[in-house]
Each structure stands twice: as C-alpha cells, then as structure tokens.
Amino acid sequence: MTPKEVAAALSSGEIVLIDVREPIEYAAERIHGALLYPLSTFDPAELPRDEKRPIVFQCGSGKRSETAFNAAAKAGVPLRAHMRGGIGAWKAAGLPVVTIDPVSGLVRDPG
C-alpha cells in the first residue's frame, strides 16, 4: 500500500498498523496509531487479531515490513499489506509523524 492509502485506512479504522522497527527508532519518530512489534523479536503469534481490521506493516524503508508480512502470512495472520517505502515515504508524502523534541523532551503529536 502507498502511505496515503495507509493513512486513509488507518484514519477510517479499517486496519491495524504495526511498526516493525526497533524501539529506539519508534521513540524518535512514529506514525500516530502504529503499534510496535520489532522485527528483531517478531513472533506472528503475538500480533493482535482483529478479523474486521487486517494488519498493515510498516518500517523505515519497506524491507523489514515485507519480511514481517511474509512471516505473518505463513502463520495465517489476517493481513492486508505492507507500506511501500516505510516511514520515509510517509514523511515524503507530507503525512504527520509523532516526534520528541530533543531540547525539551516534549512529545509532538500532530495526529
């Protein structure tokens, strides 16, 4: 899926967005509403199951999310897709991310 397709589906509650980056990456910037399930400790059995809202994976560039998608598909998890281009493509599309101000430590959440 493209970032704009993911944004629309996330906004309408059609999907569960799973971020498979590492905790330090997620802490630095993330998509509002994305749940963290790092690929380094990834277990498809631990993913949330919601038959009405299939999972879409995202990462930094699209490589790790594709790996997670393939592993979860083999495990029979209800899936929709993975986001092409990751959070980099999300930002390039002008979509908002949650960040932490490095000076104050305050969370900036435009979502």
PDB file of N, CA and C in Angstrom:
ATOM      1  N   MET A   1       0.840  -1.181   0.000  1.00  0.00           N
ATOM      2  CA  MET A   1       0.000   0.000   0.000  1.00  0.00           C
ATOM      3  C   MET A   1       0.884   1.243   0.000  1.00  0.00           C
ATOM      4  N   THR A   2       0.384   2.299  -0.546  1.00  0.00           N
ATOM      5  CA  THR A   2       1.102   3.569  -0.506  1.00  0.00           C
ATOM      6  C   THR A   2       0.861   4.227   0.854  1.00  0.00           C
ATOM      7  N   PRO A   3       1.723   5.161   1.247  1.00  0.00           N
ATOM      8  CA  PRO A   3       1.488   5.866   2.506  1.00  0.00           C
ATOM      9  C   PRO A   3       0.114   6.548   2.569  1.00  0.00           C
ATOM     10  N   LYS A   4      -0.324   7.153   1.493  1.00  0.00           N
ATOM     11  CA  LYS A   4      -1.635   7.821   1.509  1.00  0.00           C
ATOM     12  C   LYS A   4      -2.772   6.813   1.659  1.00  0.00           C
ATOM     13  N   GLU A   5      -2.645   5.655   1.052  1.00  0.00           N
ATOM     14  CA  GLU A   5      -3.653   4.603   1.224  1.00  0.00           C
ATOM     15  C   GLU A   5      -3.678   4.122   2.675  1.00  0.00           C
ATOM     16  N   VAL A   6      -2.496   3.956   3.259  1.00  0.00           N
ATOM     17  CA  VAL A   6      -2.409   3.535   4.659  1.00  0.00           C
ATOM     18  C   VAL A   6      -3.006   4.602   5.567  1.00  0.00           C
ATOM     19  N   ALA A   7      -2.687   5.860   5.318  1.00  0.00           N
ATOM     20  CA  ALA A   7      -3.216   6.953   6.138  1.00  0.00           C
ATOM     21  C   ALA A   7      -4.744   6.965   6.110  1.00  0.00           C
ATOM     22  N   ALA A   8      -5.321   6.801   4.942  1.00  0.00           N
ATOM     23  CA  ALA A   8      -6.783   6.798   4.819  1.00  0.00           C
ATOM     24  C   ALA A   8      -7.397   5.601   5.541  1.00  0.00           C
ATOM     25  N   ALA A   9      -6.803   4.422   5.376  1.00  0.00           N
ATOM     26  CA  ALA A   9      -7.322   3.215   6.023  1.00  0.00           C
ATOM     27  C   ALA A   9      -7.155   3.281   7.538  1.00  0.00           C
ATOM     28  N   LEU A  10      -6.059   3.846   7.998  1.00  0.00           N
ATOM     29  CA  LEU A  10      -5.826   3.997   9.436  1.00  0.00           C
ATOM     30  C   LEU A  10      -6.818   4.999  10.023  1.00  0.00           C
ATOM     31  N   SER A  11      -7.022   6.095   9.336  1.00  0.00           N
ATOM     32  CA  SER A  11      -7.937   7.136   9.789  1.00  0.00           C
ATOM     33  C   SER A  11      -9.378   6.639   9.893  1.00  0.00           C
ATOM     34  N   SER A  12      -9.760   5.764   8.980  1.00  0.00           N
ATOM     35  CA  SER A  12     -11.135   5.254   8.978  1.00  0.00           C
ATOM     36  C   SER A  12     -11.299   4.000   9.840  1.00  0.00           C
ATOM     37  N   GLY A  13     -10.220   3.571  10.484  1.00  0.00           N
ATOM     38  CA  GLY A  13     -10.294   2.410  11.367  1.00  0.00           C
ATOM     39  C   GLY A  13     -10.386   1.081  10.647  1.00  0.00           C
ATOM     40  N   GLU A  14      -9.943   1.034   9.399  1.00  0.00           N
ATOM     41  CA  GLU A  14     -10.033  -0.196   8.598  1.00  0.00           C
ATOM     42  C   GLU A  14      -8.885  -1.164   8.836  1.00  0.00           C
ATOM     43  N   ILE A  15      -7.777  -0.677   9.397  1.00  0.00           N
ATOM     44  CA  ILE A  15      -6.580  -1.510   9.558  1.00  0.00           C
ATOM     45  C   ILE A  15      -5.984  -1.339  10.951  1.00  0.00           C
ATOM     46  N   VAL A  16      -5.097  -2.272  11.284  1.00  0.00           N
ATOM     47  CA  VAL A  16      -4.209  -2.144  12.433  1.00  0.00           C
ATOM     48  C   VAL A  16      -2.819  -1.943  11.837  1.00  0.00           C
ATOM     49  N   LEU A  17      -2.174  -0.833  12.175  1.00  0.00           N
ATOM     50  CA  LEU A  17      -0.840  -0.542  11.650  1.00  0.00           C
ATOM     51  C   LEU A  17       0.203  -1.027  12.646  1.00  0.00           C
ATOM     52  N   ILE A  18       1.098  -1.876  12.172  1.00  0.00           N
ATOM     53  CA  ILE A  18       2.161  -2.442  13.003  1.00  0.00           C
ATOM     54  C   ILE A  18       3.504  -1.937  12.504  1.00  0.00           C
ATOM     55  N   ASP A  19       4.241  -1.285  13.388  1.00  0.00           N
ATOM     56  CA  ASP A  19       5.587  -0.775  13.113  1.00  0.00           C
ATOM     57  C   ASP A  19       6.572  -1.853  13.556  1.00  0.00           C
ATOM     58  N   VAL A  20       7.409  -2.336  12.648  1.00  0.00           N
ATOM     59  CA  VAL A  20       8.349  -3.409  12.987  1.00  0.00           C
ATOM     60  C   VAL A  20       9.784  -2.907  13.152  1.00  0.00           C
ATOM     61  N   ARG A  21       9.933  -1.576  13.307  1.00  0.00           N
ATOM     62  CA  ARG A  21      11.266  -1.034  13.573  1.00  0.00           C
ATOM     63  C   ARG A  21      11.648  -1.306  15.027  1.00  0.00           C
ATOM     64  N   GLU A  22      12.828  -0.895  15.408  1.00  0.00           N
ATOM     65  CA  GLU A  22      13.306  -1.099  16.774  1.00  0.00           C
ATOM     66  C   GLU A  22      12.794   0.003  17.703  1.00  0.00           C
ATOM     67  N   PRO A  23      12.733  -0.259  19.015  1.00  0.00           N
ATOM     68  CA  PRO A  23      12.194   0.728  19.957  1.00  0.00           C
ATOM     69  C   PRO A  23      12.841   2.111  19.867  1.00  0.00           C
ATOM     70  N   ILE A  24      14.139   2.186  19.638  1.00  0.00           N
ATOM     71  CA  ILE A  24      14.809   3.489  19.544  1.00  0.00           C
ATOM     72  C   ILE A  24      14.315   4.267  18.325  1.00  0.00           C
ATOM     73  N   GLU A  25      14.050   3.559  17.229  1.00  0.00           N
ATOM     74  CA  GLU A  25      13.520   4.210  16.025  1.00  0.00           C
ATOM     75  C   GLU A  25      12.092   4.700  16.268  1.00  0.00           C
ATOM     76  N   TYR A  26      11.309   3.862  16.907  1.00  0.00           N
ATOM     77  CA  TYR A  26       9.921   4.188  17.219  1.00  0.00           C
ATOM     78  C   TYR A  26       9.841   5.377  18.167  1.00  0.00           C
ATOM     79  N   ALA A  27      10.733   5.434  19.147  1.00  0.00           N
ATOM     80  CA  ALA A  27      10.749   6.533  20.109  1.00  0.00           C
ATOM     81  C   ALA A  27      11.099   7.860  19.433  1.00  0.00           C
ATOM     82  N   ALA A  28      11.974   7.813  18.455  1.00  0.00           N
ATOM     83  CA  ALA A  28      12.415   9.037  17.781  1.00  0.00           C
ATOM     84  C   ALA A  28      11.327   9.626  16.896  1.00  0.00           C
ATOM     85  N   GLU A  29      10.614   8.781  16.167  1.00  0.00           N
ATOM     86  CA  GLU A  29       9.511   9.224  15.312  1.00  0.00           C
ATOM     87  C   GLU A  29       8.655   8.026  14.963  1.00  0.00           C
ATOM     88  N   ARG A  30       7.355   8.274  14.943  1.00  0.00           N
ATOM     89  CA  ARG A  30       6.432   7.187  14.635  1.00  0.00           C
ATOM     90  C   ARG A  30       5.148   7.752  14.039  1.00  0.00           C
ATOM     91  N   ILE A  31       4.391   6.861  13.458  1.00  0.00           N
ATOM     92  CA  ILE A  31       3.084   7.214  12.907  1.00  0.00           C
ATOM     93  C   ILE A  31       2.064   7.084  14.028  1.00  0.00           C
ATOM     94  N   HIS A  32       1.267   8.134  14.204  1.00  0.00           N
ATOM     95  CA  HIS A  32       0.243   8.118  15.246  1.00  0.00           C
ATOM     96  C   HIS A  32      -0.692   6.925  15.033  1.00  0.00           C
ATOM     97  N   GLY A  33      -0.849   6.105  16.057  1.00  0.00           N
ATOM     98  CA  GLY A  33      -1.724   4.944  15.976  1.00  0.00           C
ATOM     99  C   GLY A  33      -1.014   3.648  15.656  1.00  0.00           C
ATOM    100  N   ALA A  34       0.257   3.702  15.276  1.00  0.00           N
ATOM    101  CA  ALA A  34       1.010   2.483  14.964  1.00  0.00           C
ATOM    102  C   ALA A  34       1.409   1.774  16.257  1.00  0.00           C
ATOM    103  N   LEU A  35       1.292   0.453  16.253  1.00  0.00           N
ATOM    104  CA  LEU A  35       1.717  -0.374  17.380  1.00  0.00           C
ATOM    105  C   LEU A  35       3.115  -0.916  17.095  1.00  0.00           C
ATOM    106  N   LEU A  36       3.927  -1.052  18.121  1.00  0.00           N
ATOM    107  CA  LEU A  36       5.307  -1.505  17.944  1.00  0.00           C
ATOM    108  C   LEU A  36       5.450  -3.001  18.191  1.00  0.00           C
ATOM    109  N   TYR A  37       5.939  -3.717  17.176  1.00  0.00           N
ATOM    110  CA  TYR A  37       6.294  -5.130  17.255  1.00  0.00           C
ATOM    111  C   TYR A  37       7.613  -5.287  16.495  1.00  0.00           C
ATOM    112  N   PRO A  38       8.760  -5.046  17.167  1.00  0.00           N
ATOM    113  CA  PRO A  38      10.049  -5.046  16.472  1.00  0.00           C
ATOM    114  C   PRO A  38      10.354  -6.363  15.747  1.00  0.00           C
ATOM    115  N   LEU A  39      10.903  -6.243  14.562  1.00  0.00           N
ATOM    116  CA  LEU A  39      11.248  -7.426  13.781  1.00  0.00           C
ATOM    117  C   LEU A  39      12.297  -8.276  14.490  1.00  0.00           C
ATOM    118  N   SER A  40      13.166  -7.656  15.297  1.00  0.00           N
ATOM    119  CA  SER A  40      14.224  -8.413  15.982  1.00  0.00           C
ATOM    120  C   SER A  40      13.670  -9.435  16.970  1.00  0.00           C
ATOM    121  N   THR A  41      12.457  -9.218  17.458  1.00  0.00           N
ATOM    122  CA  THR A  41      11.829 -10.158  18.392  1.00  0.00           C
ATOM    123  C   THR A  41      10.459 -10.599  17.872  1.00  0.00           C
ATOM    124  N   PHE A  42      10.272 -10.515  16.587  1.00  0.00           N
ATOM    125  CA  PHE A  42       8.978 -10.716  15.951  1.00  0.00           C
ATOM    126  C   PHE A  42       8.463 -12.141  16.105  1.00  0.00           C
ATOM    127  N   ASP A  43       7.226 -12.242  16.570  1.00  0.00           N
ATOM    128  CA  ASP A  43       6.533 -13.521  16.678  1.00  0.00           C
ATOM    129  C   ASP A  43       5.108 -13.297  16.188  1.00  0.00           C
ATOM    130  N   PRO A  44       4.759 -13.828  15.020  1.00  0.00           N
ATOM    131  CA  PRO A  44       3.414 -13.610  14.488  1.00  0.00           C
ATOM    132  C   PRO A  44       2.297 -14.012  15.445  1.00  0.00           C
ATOM    133  N   ALA A  45       2.554 -14.968  16.317  1.00  0.00           N
ATOM    134  CA  ALA A  45       1.534 -15.410  17.268  1.00  0.00           C
ATOM    135  C   ALA A  45       1.178 -14.323  18.279  1.00  0.00           C
ATOM    136  N   GLU A  46       2.051 -13.345  18.468  1.00  0.00           N
ATOM    137  CA  GLU A  46       1.828 -12.272  19.434  1.00  0.00           C
ATOM    138  C   GLU A  46       1.088 -11.067  18.843  1.00  0.00           C
ATOM    139  N   LEU A  47       0.854 -11.074  17.554  1.00  0.00           N
ATOM    140  CA  LEU A  47       0.185  -9.939  16.904  1.00  0.00           C
ATOM    141  C   LEU A  47      -1.279  -9.858  17.314  1.00  0.00           C
ATOM    142  N   PRO A  48      -1.829  -8.642  17.383  1.00  0.00           N
ATOM    143  CA  PRO A  48      -3.255  -8.515  17.690  1.00  0.00           C
ATOM    144  C   PRO A  48      -4.094  -9.111  16.563  1.00  0.00           C
ATOM    145  N   ARG A  49      -5.145  -9.804  16.934  1.00  0.00           N
ATOM    146  CA  ARG A  49      -6.027 -10.419  15.928  1.00  0.00           C
ATOM    147  C   ARG A  49      -7.361  -9.697  15.932  1.00  0.00           C
ATOM    148  N   ASP A  50      -7.714  -9.171  14.795  1.00  0.00           N
ATOM    149  CA  ASP A  50      -8.987  -8.482  14.642  1.00  0.00           C
ATOM    150  C   ASP A  50      -9.477  -8.805  13.237  1.00  0.00           C
ATOM    151  N   GLU A  51     -10.442  -9.689  13.151  1.00  0.00           N
ATOM    152  CA  GLU A  51     -10.939 -10.131  11.840  1.00  0.00           C
ATOM    153  C   GLU A  51     -11.517  -8.982  11.014  1.00  0.00           C
ATOM    154  N   LYS A  52     -11.963  -7.907  11.669  1.00  0.00           N
ATOM    155  CA  LYS A  52     -12.542  -6.780  10.952  1.00  0.00           C
ATOM    156  C   LYS A  52     -11.491  -5.773  10.501  1.00  0.00           C
ATOM    157  N   ARG A  53     -10.314  -5.810  11.137  1.00  0.00           N
ATOM    158  CA  ARG A  53      -9.253  -4.854  10.797  1.00  0.00           C
ATOM    159  C   ARG A  53      -7.951  -5.620  10.551  1.00  0.00           C
ATOM    160  N   PRO A  54      -7.653  -5.923   9.283  1.00  0.00           N
ATOM    161  CA  PRO A  54      -6.417  -6.634   8.984  1.00  0.00           C
ATOM    162  C   PRO A  54      -5.187  -5.764   9.265  1.00  0.00           C
ATOM    163  N   ILE A  55      -4.068  -6.425   9.376  1.00  0.00           N
ATOM    164  CA  ILE A  55      -2.805  -5.759   9.701  1.00  0.00           C
ATOM    165  C   ILE A  55      -2.120  -5.233   8.449  1.00  0.00           C
ATOM    166  N   VAL A  56      -1.535  -4.052   8.606  1.00  0.00           N
ATOM    167  CA  VAL A  56      -0.606  -3.493   7.627  1.00  0.00           C
ATOM    168  C   VAL A  56       0.689  -3.236   8.386  1.00  0.00           C
ATOM    169  N   PHE A  57       1.801  -3.684   7.830  1.00  0.00           N
ATOM    170  CA  PHE A  57       3.105  -3.485   8.455  1.00  0.00           C
ATOM    171  C   PHE A  57       3.805  -2.274   7.862  1.00  0.00           C
ATOM    172  N   GLN A  58       4.620  -1.603   8.684  1.00  0.00           N
ATOM    173  CA  GLN A  58       5.471  -0.517   8.197  1.00  0.00           C
ATOM    174  C   GLN A  58       6.787  -0.545   8.956  1.00  0.00           C
ATOM    175  N   CYS A  59       7.807   0.006   8.301  1.00  0.00           N
ATOM    176  CA  CYS A  59       9.139   0.095   8.901  1.00  0.00           C
ATOM    177  C   CYS A  59       9.778   1.391   8.430  1.00  0.00           C
ATOM    178  N   GLY A  60      11.086   1.395   8.295  1.00  0.00           N
ATOM    179  CA  GLY A  60      11.780   2.594   7.854  1.00  0.00           C
ATOM    180  C   GLY A  60      11.758   2.790   6.349  1.00  0.00           C
ATOM    181  N   SER A  61      11.906   1.682   5.606  1.00  0.00           N
ATOM    182  CA  SER A  61      12.007   1.797   4.150  1.00  0.00           C
ATOM    183  C   SER A  61      11.114   0.824   3.382  1.00  0.00           C
ATOM    184  N   GLY A  62      10.567  -0.161   4.058  1.00  0.00           N
ATOM    185  CA  GLY A  62       9.717  -1.153   3.406  1.00  0.00           C
ATOM    186  C   GLY A  62      10.291  -2.550   3.415  1.00  0.00           C
ATOM    187  N   LYS A  63      11.588  -2.692   3.685  1.00  0.00           N
ATOM    188  CA  LYS A  63      12.215  -4.017   3.653  1.00  0.00           C
ATOM    189  C   LYS A  63      11.793  -4.884   4.841  1.00  0.00           C
ATOM    190  N   ARG A  64      11.897  -4.349   6.050  1.00  0.00           N
ATOM    191  CA  ARG A  64      11.537  -5.130   7.236  1.00  0.00           C
ATOM    192  C   ARG A  64      10.038  -5.413   7.274  1.00  0.00           C
ATOM    193  N   SER A  65       9.230  -4.460   6.810  1.00  0.00           N
ATOM    194  CA  SER A  65       7.781  -4.686   6.817  1.00  0.00           C
ATOM    195  C   SER A  65       7.403  -5.807   5.845  1.00  0.00           C
ATOM    196  N   GLU A  66       8.110  -5.911   4.748  1.00  0.00           N
ATOM    197  CA  GLU A  66       7.857  -7.006   3.809  1.00  0.00           C
ATOM    198  C   GLU A  66       8.238  -8.346   4.442  1.00  0.00           C
ATOM    199  N   THR A  67       9.351  -8.373   5.172  1.00  0.00           N
ATOM    200  CA  THR A  67       9.781  -9.589   5.867  1.00  0.00           C
ATOM    201  C   THR A  67       8.726 -10.005   6.895  1.00  0.00           C
ATOM    202  N   ALA A  68       8.231  -9.042   7.680  1.00  0.00           N
ATOM    203  CA  ALA A  68       7.203  -9.324   8.682  1.00  0.00           C
ATOM    204  C   ALA A  68       5.918  -9.807   8.018  1.00  0.00           C
ATOM    205  N   PHE A  69       5.540  -9.173   6.918  1.00  0.00           N
ATOM    206  CA  PHE A  69       4.334  -9.571   6.191  1.00  0.00           C
ATOM    207  C   PHE A  69       4.428 -11.032   5.758  1.00  0.00           C
ATOM    208  N   ASN A  70       5.556 -11.414   5.172  1.00  0.00           N
ATOM    209  CA  ASN A  70       5.727 -12.791   4.706  1.00  0.00           C
ATOM    210  C   ASN A  70       5.682 -13.790   5.860  1.00  0.00           C
ATOM    211  N   ALA A  71       6.320 -13.457   6.989  1.00  0.00           N
ATOM    212  CA  ALA A  71       6.314 -14.351   8.153  1.00  0.00           C
ATOM    213  C   ALA A  71       4.908 -14.487   8.729  1.00  0.00           C
ATOM    214  N   ALA A  72       4.186 -13.382   8.831  1.00  0.00           N
ATOM    215  CA  ALA A  72       2.833 -13.414   9.387  1.00  0.00           C
ATOM    216  C   ALA A  72       1.872 -14.147   8.446  1.00  0.00           C
ATOM    217  N   ALA A  73       2.054 -13.973   7.142  1.00  0.00           N
ATOM    218  CA  ALA A  73       1.201 -14.670   6.174  1.00  0.00           C
ATOM    219  C   ALA A  73       1.366 -16.178   6.313  1.00  0.00           C
ATOM    220  N   LYS A  74       2.595 -16.630   6.484  1.00  0.00           N
ATOM    221  CA  LYS A  74       2.854 -18.065   6.662  1.00  0.00           C
ATOM    222  C   LYS A  74       2.213 -18.589   7.936  1.00  0.00           C
ATOM    223  N   ALA A  75       2.055 -17.715   8.938  1.00  0.00           N
ATOM    224  CA  ALA A  75       1.456 -18.105  10.221  1.00  0.00           C
ATOM    225  C   ALA A  75      -0.066 -17.970  10.215  1.00  0.00           C
ATOM    226  N   GLY A  76      -0.639 -17.519   9.105  1.00  0.00           N
ATOM    227  CA  GLY A  76      -2.085 -17.424   8.994  1.00  0.00           C
ATOM    228  C   GLY A  76      -2.716 -16.205   9.647  1.00  0.00           C
ATOM    229  N   VAL A  77      -1.938 -15.147   9.867  1.00  0.00           N
ATOM    230  CA  VAL A  77      -2.453 -13.921  10.467  1.00  0.00           C
ATOM    231  C   VAL A  77      -3.257 -13.148   9.414  1.00  0.00           C
ATOM    232  N   PRO A  78      -4.434 -12.599   9.785  1.00  0.00           N
ATOM    233  CA  PRO A  78      -5.200 -11.796   8.824  1.00  0.00           C
ATOM    234  C   PRO A  78      -4.434 -10.519   8.454  1.00  0.00           C
ATOM    235  N   LEU A  79      -4.058 -10.413   7.201  1.00  0.00           N
ATOM    236  CA  LEU A  79      -3.216  -9.307   6.736  1.00  0.00           C
ATOM    237  C   LEU A  79      -3.861  -8.562   5.581  1.00  0.00           C
ATOM    238  N   ARG A  80      -3.391  -7.359   5.406  1.00  0.00           N
ATOM    239  CA  ARG A  80      -3.804  -6.576   4.222  1.00  0.00           C
ATOM    240  C   ARG A  80      -2.607  -6.310   3.334  1.00  0.00           C
ATOM    241  N   ALA A  81      -1.502  -5.790   3.905  1.00  0.00           N
ATOM    242  CA  ALA A  81      -0.363  -5.403   3.081  1.00  0.00           C
ATOM    243  C   ALA A  81       0.791  -4.951   3.956  1.00  0.00           C
ATOM    244  N   HIS A  82       1.801  -4.425   3.294  1.00  0.00           N
ATOM    245  CA  HIS A  82       2.831  -3.659   3.991  1.00  0.00           C
ATOM    246  C   HIS A  82       2.959  -2.342   3.236  1.00  0.00           C
ATOM    247  N   MET A  83       3.444  -1.322   3.948  1.00  0.00           N
ATOM    248  CA  MET A  83       3.509   0.007   3.353  1.00  0.00           C
ATOM    249  C   MET A  83       4.808   0.175   2.568  1.00  0.00           C
ATOM    250  N   ARG A  84       4.669   0.458   1.292  1.00  0.00           N
ATOM    251  CA  ARG A  84       5.834   0.680   0.434  1.00  0.00           C
ATOM    252  C   ARG A  84       6.582   1.932   0.871  1.00  0.00           C
ATOM    253  N   GLY A  85       7.885   1.813   1.002  1.00  0.00           N
ATOM    254  CA  GLY A  85       8.727   2.966   1.297  1.00  0.00           C
ATOM    255  C   GLY A  85       8.843   3.342   2.758  1.00  0.00           C
ATOM    256  N   GLY A  86       8.068   2.683   3.616  1.00  0.00           N
ATOM    257  CA  GLY A  86       8.179   2.897   5.055  1.00  0.00           C
ATOM    258  C   GLY A  86       7.887   4.319   5.501  1.00  0.00           C
ATOM    259  N   ILE A  87       8.363   4.631   6.699  1.00  0.00           N
ATOM    260  CA  ILE A  87       8.090   5.950   7.280  1.00  0.00           C
ATOM    261  C   ILE A  87       8.767   7.063   6.470  1.00  0.00           C
ATOM    262  N   GLY A  88       9.848   6.716   5.765  1.00  0.00           N
ATOM    263  CA  GLY A  88      10.489   7.707   4.891  1.00  0.00           C
ATOM    264  C   GLY A  88       9.538   8.164   3.798  1.00  0.00           C
ATOM    265  N   ALA A  89       8.832   7.223   3.172  1.00  0.00           N
ATOM    266  CA  ALA A  89       7.855   7.561   2.134  1.00  0.00           C
ATOM    267  C   ALA A  89       6.651   8.277   2.748  1.00  0.00           C
ATOM    268  N   TRP A  90       6.295   7.891   3.962  1.00  0.00           N
ATOM    269  CA  TRP A  90       5.190   8.552   4.679  1.00  0.00           C
ATOM    270  C   TRP A  90       5.486  10.044   4.837  1.00  0.00           C
ATOM    271  N   LYS A  91       6.689  10.355   5.325  1.00  0.00           N
ATOM    272  CA  LYS A  91       7.078  11.753   5.516  1.00  0.00           C
ATOM    273  C   LYS A  91       7.204  12.482   4.183  1.00  0.00           C
ATOM    274  N   ALA A  92       7.742  11.803   3.165  1.00  0.00           N
ATOM    275  CA  ALA A  92       7.881  12.414   1.843  1.00  0.00           C
ATOM    276  C   ALA A  92       6.513  12.766   1.247  1.00  0.00           C
ATOM    277  N   ALA A  93       5.482  12.020   1.651  1.00  0.00           N
ATOM    278  CA  ALA A  93       4.126  12.294   1.181  1.00  0.00           C
ATOM    279  C   ALA A  93       3.466  13.418   1.975  1.00  0.00           C
ATOM    280  N   GLY A  94       4.206  13.988   2.931  1.00  0.00           N
ATOM    281  CA  GLY A  94       3.677  15.094   3.719  1.00  0.00           C
ATOM    282  C   GLY A  94       2.770  14.683   4.856  1.00  0.00           C
ATOM    283  N   LEU A  95       2.820  13.402   5.222  1.00  0.00           N
ATOM    284  CA  LEU A  95       1.975  12.905   6.307  1.00  0.00           C
ATOM    285  C   LEU A  95       2.671  13.104   7.654  1.00  0.00           C
ATOM    286  N   PRO A  96       1.899  13.332   8.722  1.00  0.00           N
ATOM    287  CA  PRO A  96       2.488  13.680  10.018  1.00  0.00           C
ATOM    288  C   PRO A  96       3.081  12.489  10.771  1.00  0.00           C
ATOM    289  N   VAL A  97       4.103  12.794  11.573  1.00  0.00           N
ATOM    290  CA  VAL A  97       4.693  11.797  12.463  1.00  0.00           C
ATOM    291  C   VAL A  97       4.756  12.365  13.880  1.00  0.00           C
ATOM    292  N   VAL A  98       4.728  11.478  14.837  1.00  0.00           N
ATOM    293  CA  VAL A  98       4.904  11.837  16.238  1.00  0.00           C
ATOM    294  C   VAL A  98       6.412  11.872  16.486  1.00  0.00           C
ATOM    295  N   THR A  99       6.907  12.953  17.074  1.00  0.00           N
ATOM    296  CA  THR A  99       8.336  13.078  17.372  1.00  0.00           C
ATOM    297  C   THR A  99       8.524  13.550  18.812  1.00  0.00           C
ATOM    298  N   ILE A 100       9.753  13.474  19.264  1.00  0.00           N
ATOM    299  CA  ILE A 100      10.112  14.001  20.580  1.00  0.00           C
ATOM    300  C   ILE A 100      11.058  15.161  20.365  1.00  0.00           C
ATOM    301  N   ASP A 101      10.747  16.307  20.958  1.00  0.00           N
ATOM    302  CA  ASP A 101      11.610  17.485  20.879  1.00  0.00           C
ATOM    303  C   ASP A 101      12.893  17.165  21.646  1.00  0.00           C
ATOM    304  N   PRO A 102      14.057  17.178  20.978  1.00  0.00           N
ATOM    305  CA  PRO A 102      15.307  16.813  21.639  1.00  0.00           C
ATOM    306  C   PRO A 102      15.740  17.792  22.729  1.00  0.00           C
ATOM    307  N   VAL A 103      15.248  19.000  22.696  1.00  0.00           N
ATOM    308  CA  VAL A 103      15.615  20.004  23.696  1.00  0.00           C
ATOM    309  C   VAL A 103      14.761  19.870  24.958  1.00  0.00           C
ATOM    310  N   SER A 104      13.455  19.803  24.767  1.00  0.00           N
ATOM    311  CA  SER A 104      12.541  19.784  25.916  1.00  0.00           C
ATOM    312  C   SER A 104      12.096  18.393  26.324  1.00  0.00           C
ATOM    313  N   GLY A 105      12.186  17.426  25.405  1.00  0.00           N
ATOM    314  CA  GLY A 105      11.687  16.081  25.683  1.00  0.00           C
ATOM    315  C   GLY A 105      10.186  15.968  25.504  1.00  0.00           C
ATOM    316  N   LEU A 106       9.540  17.029  25.070  1.00  0.00           N
ATOM    317  CA  LEU A 106       8.092  17.002  24.857  1.00  0.00           C
ATOM    318  C   LEU A 106       7.742  16.242  23.587  1.00  0.00           C
ATOM    319  N   VAL A 107       6.649  15.523  23.659  1.00  0.00           N
ATOM    320  CA  VAL A 107       6.154  14.779  22.510  1.00  0.00           C
ATOM    321  C   VAL A 107       5.369  15.725  21.611  1.00  0.00           C
ATOM    322  N   ARG A 108       5.705  15.704  20.329  1.00  0.00           N
ATOM    323  CA  ARG A 108       4.970  16.479  19.330  1.00  0.00           C
ATOM    324  C   ARG A 108       4.121  15.498  18.534  1.00  0.00           C
ATOM    325  N   ASP A 109       2.804  15.623  18.697  1.00  0.00           N
ATOM    326  CA  ASP A 109       1.887  14.704  18.036  1.00  0.00           C
ATOM    327  C   ASP A 109       0.861  15.484  17.241  1.00  0.00           C
ATOM    328  N   PRO A 110       1.136  15.677  15.946  1.00  0.00           N
ATOM    329  CA  PRO A 110       0.187  16.408  15.103  1.00  0.00           C
ATOM    330  C   PRO A 110      -1.028  15.564  14.718  1.00  0.00           C
ATOM    331  N   GLY A 111      -0.989  14.249  15.066  1.00  0.00           N
ATOM    332  CA  GLY A 111      -2.046  13.336  14.664  1.00  0.00           C
ATOM    333  C   GLY A 111      -3.264  13.487  15.455  1.00  0.00           C
TER     334      GLY A 111
END
